Amino acid sequence: MKEINREFWLDEIKEYVINDMTENKVSIDECLGCLQILHIQEWYVEEEDPYSWHEMRYRDMVEFEEIHQLEKHIGKEEVKEFLKLCKLGASGEKNTHETALYTDGDDDVPEYLTSLIFTKEDFMELLLVDCDECWTEVAFCDSTPLEDYDDDWIRICKDCADKK
């Protein structure tokens, strides 16, 4: 495979993860401490279409302690590589979420492209929600969840919170 534009693919991973979390109303806490695996066909990698994130396919997401369960998707050697990164402190933190992107490889062995690590603060800045009071779209970091609900996606903006 040719050399990839890593920045392009990091942006595409970010788009996929944020859109998936928003669409499915996934809690930030559900994602922290996990490694998620995505797959994309090789021809999309070569094209670098700005909507390539639409073509990414979810394979699995496991807590870092259960990373061995990903062998069925990425193979034993790739799992060993992630475990090495975890030992070095470059991956596997409880307060982070990592999404790795793979494509078709030789002999049906997926080929690693790149990965993106999110912190809780990243999610708070990137996830958008409509204020439950004024319907203004705001980032999670600029809003607060309503106490009467168990749903972290029901939030109000700081302006509406200040009026209460």
N, C-alpha and C. Protein backbone atom coordinates (compact mmCIF):
# COMPACT_ATOMS: atom_id res chain seq x y z
N MET A 1 0.84 -1.18 0.00
CA MET A 1 0.00 0.00 0.00
C MET A 1 0.88 1.25 0.00
N LYS A 2 0.40 2.29 -0.68
CA LYS A 2 1.15 3.54 -0.72
C LYS A 2 1.17 4.21 0.64
N GLU A 3 2.01 5.18 0.80
CA GLU A 3 2.07 6.00 2.01
C GLU A 3 0.74 6.73 2.17
N ILE A 4 0.21 6.77 3.38
CA ILE A 4 -1.08 7.43 3.60
C ILE A 4 -0.88 8.83 4.18
N ASN A 5 -1.89 9.66 3.99
CA ASN A 5 -1.94 10.99 4.58
C ASN A 5 -2.53 10.82 5.97
N ARG A 6 -1.69 10.69 6.98
CA ARG A 6 -2.13 10.37 8.33
C ARG A 6 -3.12 11.41 8.88
N GLU A 7 -2.85 12.68 8.66
CA GLU A 7 -3.74 13.73 9.16
C GLU A 7 -5.15 13.59 8.58
N PHE A 8 -5.23 13.29 7.29
CA PHE A 8 -6.52 13.08 6.65
C PHE A 8 -7.28 11.96 7.35
N TRP A 9 -6.60 10.83 7.59
CA TRP A 9 -7.28 9.67 8.18
C TRP A 9 -7.61 9.88 9.65
N LEU A 10 -6.82 10.67 10.36
CA LEU A 10 -7.17 11.00 11.75
C LEU A 10 -8.45 11.82 11.78
N ASP A 11 -8.59 12.76 10.85
CA ASP A 11 -9.83 13.55 10.77
C ASP A 11 -11.02 12.66 10.43
N GLU A 12 -10.82 11.69 9.53
CA GLU A 12 -11.91 10.79 9.15
C GLU A 12 -12.33 9.90 10.33
N ILE A 13 -11.36 9.42 11.10
CA ILE A 13 -11.68 8.62 12.29
C ILE A 13 -12.47 9.47 13.28
N LYS A 14 -12.02 10.70 13.48
CA LYS A 14 -12.71 11.61 14.40
C LYS A 14 -14.16 11.81 13.95
N GLU A 15 -14.38 12.05 12.67
CA GLU A 15 -15.74 12.22 12.13
C GLU A 15 -16.59 10.98 12.40
N TYR A 16 -16.02 9.80 12.14
CA TYR A 16 -16.76 8.56 12.34
C TYR A 16 -17.16 8.41 13.81
N VAL A 17 -16.20 8.52 14.71
CA VAL A 17 -16.46 8.29 16.14
C VAL A 17 -17.48 9.29 16.67
N ILE A 18 -17.30 10.56 16.38
CA ILE A 18 -18.21 11.59 16.91
C ILE A 18 -19.60 11.42 16.32
N ASN A 19 -19.70 11.15 15.03
CA ASN A 19 -21.02 10.93 14.43
C ASN A 19 -21.70 9.69 14.99
N ASP A 20 -20.94 8.63 15.19
CA ASP A 20 -21.51 7.40 15.75
C ASP A 20 -22.00 7.62 17.18
N MET A 21 -21.20 8.29 17.99
CA MET A 21 -21.61 8.56 19.37
C MET A 21 -22.86 9.44 19.41
N THR A 22 -22.91 10.45 18.54
CA THR A 22 -24.05 11.36 18.51
C THR A 22 -25.31 10.62 18.04
N GLU A 23 -25.19 9.90 16.95
CA GLU A 23 -26.33 9.19 16.38
C GLU A 23 -26.91 8.15 17.35
N ASN A 24 -26.03 7.45 18.05
CA ASN A 24 -26.45 6.38 18.95
C ASN A 24 -26.55 6.82 20.41
N LYS A 25 -26.32 8.11 20.67
CA LYS A 25 -26.39 8.67 22.03
C LYS A 25 -25.55 7.85 23.01
N VAL A 26 -24.31 7.56 22.60
CA VAL A 26 -23.40 6.77 23.42
C VAL A 26 -22.80 7.65 24.51
N SER A 27 -22.75 7.14 25.71
CA SER A 27 -22.16 7.85 26.83
C SER A 27 -20.64 7.89 26.69
N ILE A 28 -20.06 9.00 27.06
CA ILE A 28 -18.61 9.14 27.02
C ILE A 28 -17.96 8.06 27.89
N ASP A 29 -18.52 7.84 29.07
CA ASP A 29 -17.95 6.85 29.99
C ASP A 29 -17.94 5.44 29.42
N GLU A 30 -18.90 5.12 28.53
CA GLU A 30 -18.93 3.81 27.89
C GLU A 30 -17.73 3.60 26.97
N CYS A 31 -17.19 4.68 26.45
CA CYS A 31 -16.09 4.59 25.48
C CYS A 31 -14.71 4.65 26.14
N LEU A 32 -14.62 5.27 27.28
CA LEU A 32 -13.32 5.42 27.93
C LEU A 32 -12.79 4.07 28.39
N GLY A 33 -11.48 3.87 28.23
CA GLY A 33 -10.85 2.62 28.60
C GLY A 33 -11.00 1.54 27.55
N CYS A 34 -11.38 1.93 26.34
CA CYS A 34 -11.65 0.95 25.28
C CYS A 34 -10.83 1.19 24.02
N LEU A 35 -10.63 0.10 23.30
CA LEU A 35 -10.03 0.13 21.96
C LEU A 35 -11.11 -0.31 20.99
N GLN A 36 -11.33 0.53 19.99
CA GLN A 36 -12.33 0.25 18.96
C GLN A 36 -11.60 -0.03 17.65
N ILE A 37 -12.09 -0.99 16.90
CA ILE A 37 -11.50 -1.35 15.61
C ILE A 37 -12.47 -1.01 14.50
N LEU A 38 -11.98 -0.26 13.50
CA LEU A 38 -12.74 0.06 12.30
C LEU A 38 -12.02 -0.53 11.09
N HIS A 39 -12.77 -0.78 10.04
CA HIS A 39 -12.20 -1.32 8.80
C HIS A 39 -12.70 -0.47 7.63
N ILE A 40 -11.82 -0.29 6.64
CA ILE A 40 -12.20 0.40 5.41
C ILE A 40 -11.54 -0.32 4.24
N GLN A 41 -12.26 -0.42 3.14
CA GLN A 41 -11.72 -1.08 1.94
C GLN A 41 -10.55 -0.26 1.40
N GLU A 42 -9.58 -0.96 0.85
CA GLU A 42 -8.34 -0.32 0.39
C GLU A 42 -8.57 0.76 -0.67
N TRP A 43 -9.54 0.57 -1.56
CA TRP A 43 -9.73 1.58 -2.61
C TRP A 43 -10.18 2.92 -2.04
N TYR A 44 -10.86 2.94 -0.90
CA TYR A 44 -11.22 4.21 -0.27
C TYR A 44 -9.98 4.89 0.31
N VAL A 45 -9.03 4.10 0.76
CA VAL A 45 -7.79 4.65 1.30
C VAL A 45 -7.03 5.36 0.20
N GLU A 46 -6.98 4.76 -0.96
CA GLU A 46 -6.25 5.34 -2.09
C GLU A 46 -6.93 6.61 -2.61
N GLU A 47 -8.26 6.69 -2.52
CA GLU A 47 -9.00 7.83 -3.05
C GLU A 47 -8.94 9.06 -2.14
N GLU A 48 -8.91 8.85 -0.81
CA GLU A 48 -8.95 9.93 0.17
C GLU A 48 -10.11 10.88 -0.07
N ASP A 49 -11.29 10.32 -0.23
CA ASP A 49 -12.52 11.08 -0.36
C ASP A 49 -12.85 11.71 0.99
N PRO A 50 -13.20 13.01 1.03
CA PRO A 50 -13.49 13.65 2.32
C PRO A 50 -14.68 13.07 3.07
N TYR A 51 -15.41 12.17 2.47
CA TYR A 51 -16.50 11.49 3.16
C TYR A 51 -16.20 10.02 3.38
N SER A 52 -14.93 9.68 3.41
CA SER A 52 -14.52 8.29 3.58
C SER A 52 -15.01 7.70 4.89
N TRP A 53 -15.21 8.54 5.89
CA TRP A 53 -15.67 8.01 7.18
C TRP A 53 -17.01 7.30 7.04
N HIS A 54 -17.80 7.65 6.02
CA HIS A 54 -19.06 6.94 5.76
C HIS A 54 -18.82 5.49 5.36
N GLU A 55 -17.65 5.21 4.83
CA GLU A 55 -17.33 3.86 4.35
C GLU A 55 -16.64 3.00 5.40
N MET A 56 -16.32 3.59 6.54
CA MET A 56 -15.69 2.82 7.62
C MET A 56 -16.73 1.89 8.24
N ARG A 57 -16.28 0.71 8.60
CA ARG A 57 -17.17 -0.29 9.19
C ARG A 57 -16.66 -0.67 10.57
N TYR A 58 -17.57 -0.65 11.51
CA TYR A 58 -17.29 -1.04 12.89
C TYR A 58 -17.02 -2.54 12.94
N ARG A 59 -15.93 -2.92 13.62
CA ARG A 59 -15.62 -4.33 13.81
C ARG A 59 -15.87 -4.77 15.25
N ASP A 60 -15.36 -4.00 16.20
CA ASP A 60 -15.51 -4.38 17.60
C ASP A 60 -14.97 -3.27 18.48
N MET A 61 -15.38 -3.29 19.74
CA MET A 61 -14.81 -2.40 20.75
C MET A 61 -14.74 -3.19 22.05
N VAL A 62 -13.55 -3.19 22.65
CA VAL A 62 -13.36 -3.92 23.91
C VAL A 62 -12.59 -3.04 24.88
N GLU A 63 -12.74 -3.35 26.17
CA GLU A 63 -11.93 -2.67 27.16
C GLU A 63 -10.48 -3.10 26.96
N PHE A 64 -9.56 -2.23 27.32
CA PHE A 64 -8.15 -2.51 27.08
C PHE A 64 -7.71 -3.83 27.73
N GLU A 65 -8.30 -4.17 28.88
CA GLU A 65 -7.92 -5.42 29.55
C GLU A 65 -8.34 -6.65 28.74
N GLU A 66 -9.29 -6.48 27.84
CA GLU A 66 -9.82 -7.59 27.04
C GLU A 66 -9.34 -7.53 25.59
N ILE A 67 -8.23 -6.87 25.37
CA ILE A 67 -7.74 -6.63 24.01
C ILE A 67 -7.49 -7.92 23.22
N HIS A 68 -7.20 -8.99 23.93
CA HIS A 68 -6.95 -10.28 23.24
C HIS A 68 -8.18 -10.74 22.44
N GLN A 69 -9.36 -10.25 22.80
CA GLN A 69 -10.58 -10.62 22.07
C GLN A 69 -10.59 -10.08 20.63
N LEU A 70 -9.69 -9.15 20.34
CA LEU A 70 -9.64 -8.56 19.00
C LEU A 70 -8.84 -9.40 18.01
N GLU A 71 -8.22 -10.48 18.48
CA GLU A 71 -7.44 -11.34 17.59
C GLU A 71 -8.25 -11.79 16.38
N LYS A 72 -9.53 -12.06 16.55
CA LYS A 72 -10.38 -12.52 15.45
C LYS A 72 -10.54 -11.47 14.36
N HIS A 73 -10.29 -10.20 14.71
CA HIS A 73 -10.43 -9.13 13.72
C HIS A 73 -9.10 -8.65 13.16
N ILE A 74 -8.07 -8.61 14.00
CA ILE A 74 -6.80 -8.01 13.55
C ILE A 74 -5.62 -8.96 13.64
N GLY A 75 -5.82 -10.13 14.21
CA GLY A 75 -4.74 -11.12 14.29
C GLY A 75 -3.92 -11.00 15.56
N LYS A 76 -3.23 -12.08 15.86
CA LYS A 76 -2.44 -12.18 17.09
C LYS A 76 -1.29 -11.17 17.14
N GLU A 77 -0.61 -10.97 16.01
CA GLU A 77 0.54 -10.05 15.97
C GLU A 77 0.13 -8.61 16.24
N GLU A 78 -0.99 -8.18 15.68
CA GLU A 78 -1.47 -6.81 15.92
C GLU A 78 -1.85 -6.62 17.38
N VAL A 79 -2.48 -7.63 17.97
CA VAL A 79 -2.83 -7.54 19.39
C VAL A 79 -1.55 -7.41 20.22
N LYS A 80 -0.52 -8.16 19.87
CA LYS A 80 0.77 -8.05 20.58
C LYS A 80 1.32 -6.63 20.47
N GLU A 81 1.20 -6.02 19.29
CA GLU A 81 1.68 -4.65 19.10
C GLU A 81 0.93 -3.66 20.00
N PHE A 82 -0.39 -3.82 20.09
CA PHE A 82 -1.16 -2.94 20.97
C PHE A 82 -0.78 -3.16 22.42
N LEU A 83 -0.53 -4.41 22.80
CA LEU A 83 -0.13 -4.69 24.18
C LEU A 83 1.22 -4.04 24.50
N LYS A 84 2.14 -4.04 23.52
CA LYS A 84 3.43 -3.36 23.71
C LYS A 84 3.21 -1.86 23.94
N LEU A 85 2.33 -1.27 23.11
CA LEU A 85 2.04 0.17 23.26
C LEU A 85 1.43 0.46 24.63
N CYS A 86 0.58 -0.45 25.10
CA CYS A 86 -0.03 -0.27 26.42
C CYS A 86 1.04 -0.28 27.51
N LYS A 87 2.01 -1.18 27.39
CA LYS A 87 3.08 -1.26 28.39
C LYS A 87 3.96 -0.01 28.37
N LEU A 88 4.10 0.59 27.18
CA LEU A 88 4.91 1.80 27.05
C LEU A 88 4.15 3.06 27.49
N GLY A 89 2.86 2.91 27.75
CA GLY A 89 2.05 4.05 28.15
C GLY A 89 1.55 4.88 26.99
N ALA A 90 1.72 4.40 25.76
CA ALA A 90 1.26 5.12 24.58
C ALA A 90 -0.17 4.75 24.20
N SER A 91 -0.75 3.83 24.93
CA SER A 91 -2.10 3.35 24.66
C SER A 91 -2.60 2.66 25.92
N GLY A 92 -3.91 2.42 25.97
CA GLY A 92 -4.44 1.60 27.04
C GLY A 92 -4.78 2.30 28.34
N GLU A 93 -4.84 3.62 28.35
CA GLU A 93 -5.17 4.34 29.57
C GLU A 93 -6.67 4.27 29.85
N LYS A 94 -7.02 4.15 31.11
CA LYS A 94 -8.43 4.06 31.53
C LYS A 94 -9.23 5.31 31.15
N ASN A 95 -8.56 6.45 31.10
CA ASN A 95 -9.26 7.70 30.81
C ASN A 95 -9.19 8.11 29.34
N THR A 96 -8.87 7.14 28.46
CA THR A 96 -8.82 7.42 27.02
C THR A 96 -9.64 6.40 26.25
N HIS A 97 -9.90 6.75 25.01
CA HIS A 97 -10.55 5.85 24.05
C HIS A 97 -9.67 5.87 22.81
N GLU A 98 -9.37 4.70 22.28
CA GLU A 98 -8.57 4.63 21.06
C GLU A 98 -9.38 3.94 19.97
N THR A 99 -9.35 4.52 18.78
CA THR A 99 -9.97 3.91 17.61
C THR A 99 -8.87 3.68 16.59
N ALA A 100 -8.73 2.41 16.18
CA ALA A 100 -7.72 2.03 15.19
C ALA A 100 -8.41 1.68 13.87
N LEU A 101 -7.80 2.10 12.78
CA LEU A 101 -8.35 1.86 11.45
C LEU A 101 -7.47 0.86 10.70
N TYR A 102 -8.14 -0.13 10.14
CA TYR A 102 -7.47 -1.18 9.36
C TYR A 102 -8.08 -1.25 7.97
N THR A 103 -7.29 -1.78 7.04
CA THR A 103 -7.76 -2.03 5.69
C THR A 103 -7.39 -3.45 5.30
N ASP A 104 -7.77 -3.82 4.08
CA ASP A 104 -7.46 -5.15 3.58
C ASP A 104 -5.95 -5.31 3.49
N GLY A 105 -5.47 -6.46 3.87
CA GLY A 105 -4.04 -6.74 3.76
C GLY A 105 -3.83 -8.00 2.94
N ASP A 106 -2.59 -8.39 2.83
CA ASP A 106 -2.26 -9.62 2.11
C ASP A 106 -2.73 -10.83 2.91
N ASP A 107 -3.15 -11.87 2.20
CA ASP A 107 -3.57 -13.13 2.82
C ASP A 107 -4.64 -12.94 3.88
N ASP A 108 -5.57 -12.01 3.64
CA ASP A 108 -6.69 -11.75 4.55
C ASP A 108 -6.26 -11.32 5.95
N VAL A 109 -5.04 -10.81 6.09
CA VAL A 109 -4.58 -10.25 7.37
C VAL A 109 -4.76 -8.74 7.28
N PRO A 110 -5.61 -8.17 8.14
CA PRO A 110 -5.84 -6.72 8.07
C PRO A 110 -4.55 -5.93 8.24
N GLU A 111 -4.48 -4.81 7.53
CA GLU A 111 -3.31 -3.94 7.61
C GLU A 111 -3.65 -2.68 8.40
N TYR A 112 -2.86 -2.40 9.42
CA TYR A 112 -3.05 -1.22 10.27
C TYR A 112 -2.75 0.04 9.47
N LEU A 113 -3.66 1.03 9.55
CA LEU A 113 -3.42 2.32 8.91
C LEU A 113 -2.96 3.35 9.93
N THR A 114 -3.79 3.59 10.93
CA THR A 114 -3.48 4.58 11.96
C THR A 114 -4.50 4.46 13.08
N SER A 115 -4.28 5.19 14.15
CA SER A 115 -5.27 5.21 15.23
C SER A 115 -5.29 6.59 15.86
N LEU A 116 -6.40 6.87 16.53
CA LEU A 116 -6.61 8.16 17.17
C LEU A 116 -7.02 7.91 18.61
N ILE A 117 -6.39 8.63 19.53
CA ILE A 117 -6.71 8.51 20.94
C ILE A 117 -7.49 9.75 21.37
N PHE A 118 -8.64 9.51 22.00
CA PHE A 118 -9.50 10.57 22.53
C PHE A 118 -9.40 10.56 24.05
N THR A 119 -9.42 11.74 24.64
CA THR A 119 -9.56 11.87 26.09
C THR A 119 -11.01 12.30 26.37
N LYS A 120 -11.38 12.30 27.64
CA LYS A 120 -12.73 12.77 28.00
C LYS A 120 -12.89 14.23 27.58
N GLU A 121 -11.84 15.02 27.73
CA GLU A 121 -11.89 16.43 27.34
C GLU A 121 -12.11 16.58 25.83
N ASP A 122 -11.48 15.72 25.04
CA ASP A 122 -11.70 15.74 23.59
C ASP A 122 -13.17 15.51 23.28
N PHE A 123 -13.75 14.49 23.90
CA PHE A 123 -15.17 14.20 23.68
C PHE A 123 -16.04 15.38 24.10
N MET A 124 -15.73 15.97 25.23
CA MET A 124 -16.52 17.09 25.74
C MET A 124 -16.51 18.28 24.77
N GLU A 125 -15.39 18.48 24.08
CA GLU A 125 -15.29 19.58 23.12
C GLU A 125 -15.90 19.24 21.77
N LEU A 126 -15.84 17.97 21.37
CA LEU A 126 -16.28 17.58 20.03
C LEU A 126 -17.76 17.20 19.93
N LEU A 127 -18.32 16.66 21.00
CA LEU A 127 -19.72 16.24 20.96
C LEU A 127 -20.63 17.45 21.09
N LEU A 128 -21.62 17.54 20.21
CA LEU A 128 -22.57 18.64 20.21
C LEU A 128 -23.96 18.12 20.57
N VAL A 129 -24.73 18.99 21.23
CA VAL A 129 -26.08 18.64 21.64
C VAL A 129 -26.93 19.90 21.58
N ASP A 130 -28.22 19.74 21.39
CA ASP A 130 -29.13 20.88 21.44
C ASP A 130 -29.53 21.11 22.88
N CYS A 131 -29.48 22.36 23.31
CA CYS A 131 -29.93 22.74 24.65
C CYS A 131 -31.41 22.36 24.78
N ASP A 132 -31.76 21.73 25.87
CA ASP A 132 -33.14 21.30 26.10
C ASP A 132 -34.08 22.46 26.37
N GLU A 133 -33.54 23.63 26.63
CA GLU A 133 -34.37 24.81 26.91
C GLU A 133 -34.52 25.70 25.66
N CYS A 134 -33.39 26.16 25.09
CA CYS A 134 -33.45 27.12 23.98
C CYS A 134 -33.15 26.51 22.61
N TRP A 135 -32.77 25.25 22.60
CA TRP A 135 -32.48 24.48 21.37
C TRP A 135 -31.26 24.97 20.61
N THR A 136 -30.41 25.74 21.25
CA THR A 136 -29.15 26.15 20.65
C THR A 136 -28.19 24.97 20.68
N GLU A 137 -27.46 24.76 19.58
CA GLU A 137 -26.48 23.67 19.55
C GLU A 137 -25.22 24.11 20.29
N VAL A 138 -24.80 23.30 21.26
CA VAL A 138 -23.62 23.61 22.06
C VAL A 138 -22.79 22.35 22.27
N ALA A 139 -21.54 22.54 22.58
CA ALA A 139 -20.66 21.42 22.91
C ALA A 139 -20.99 20.94 24.32
N PHE A 140 -20.68 19.68 24.60
CA PHE A 140 -20.89 19.13 25.93
C PHE A 140 -20.19 20.00 26.97
N CYS A 141 -18.99 20.48 26.65
CA CYS A 141 -18.22 21.27 27.62
C CYS A 141 -18.88 22.61 27.92
N ASP A 142 -19.78 23.06 27.05
CA ASP A 142 -20.49 24.33 27.25
C ASP A 142 -21.92 24.11 27.72
N SER A 143 -22.19 22.94 28.27
CA SER A 143 -23.53 22.61 28.75
C SER A 143 -23.43 21.70 29.97
N THR A 144 -24.57 21.53 30.62
CA THR A 144 -24.61 20.63 31.78
C THR A 144 -25.80 19.68 31.62
N PRO A 145 -25.63 18.45 32.11
CA PRO A 145 -26.76 17.50 32.02
C PRO A 145 -27.85 17.91 33.01
N LEU A 146 -29.08 17.63 32.67
CA LEU A 146 -30.19 17.91 33.57
C LEU A 146 -30.25 16.81 34.62
N GLU A 147 -30.35 17.20 35.87
CA GLU A 147 -30.29 16.26 36.99
C GLU A 147 -31.46 15.29 37.03
N ASP A 148 -32.60 15.66 36.50
CA ASP A 148 -33.80 14.82 36.57
C ASP A 148 -33.78 13.66 35.58
N TYR A 149 -32.75 13.58 34.77
CA TYR A 149 -32.69 12.55 33.73
C TYR A 149 -31.44 11.69 33.90
N ASP A 150 -31.56 10.41 33.54
CA ASP A 150 -30.40 9.51 33.54
C ASP A 150 -29.65 9.60 32.21
N ASP A 151 -30.12 10.39 31.29
CA ASP A 151 -29.57 10.50 29.95
C ASP A 151 -28.60 11.69 29.89
N ASP A 152 -27.31 11.40 29.71
CA ASP A 152 -26.29 12.46 29.65
C ASP A 152 -26.46 13.36 28.43
N TRP A 153 -27.29 12.94 27.47
CA TRP A 153 -27.50 13.71 26.25
C TRP A 153 -28.59 14.77 26.41
N ILE A 154 -29.30 14.76 27.51
CA ILE A 154 -30.28 15.82 27.78
C ILE A 154 -29.56 16.87 28.61
N ARG A 155 -29.25 17.98 27.95
CA ARG A 155 -28.39 19.01 28.55
C ARG A 155 -28.98 20.39 28.31
N ILE A 156 -28.50 21.35 29.10
CA ILE A 156 -28.85 22.75 28.86
C ILE A 156 -27.56 23.56 28.75
N CYS A 157 -27.63 24.60 27.95
CA CYS A 157 -26.45 25.46 27.75
C CYS A 157 -26.20 26.27 29.02
N LYS A 158 -25.04 26.86 29.10
CA LYS A 158 -24.65 27.64 30.27
C LYS A 158 -25.57 28.86 30.46
N ASP A 159 -26.00 29.48 29.37
CA ASP A 159 -26.89 30.64 29.49
C ASP A 159 -28.21 30.25 30.14
N CYS A 160 -28.79 29.15 29.71
CA CYS A 160 -30.07 28.69 30.29
C CYS A 160 -29.86 28.24 31.74
N ALA A 161 -28.74 27.62 32.03
CA ALA A 161 -28.46 27.17 33.39
C ALA A 161 -28.32 28.38 34.32
N ASP A 162 -27.71 29.47 33.82
CA ASP A 162 -27.53 30.68 34.63
C ASP A 162 -28.86 31.36 34.94
N LYS A 163 -29.85 31.16 34.06
CA LYS A 163 -31.17 31.79 34.27
C LYS A 163 -31.99 31.07 35.33
N LYS A 164 -31.62 29.85 35.65
CA LYS A 164 -32.40 29.07 36.63
C LYS A 164 -32.06 29.41 38.04
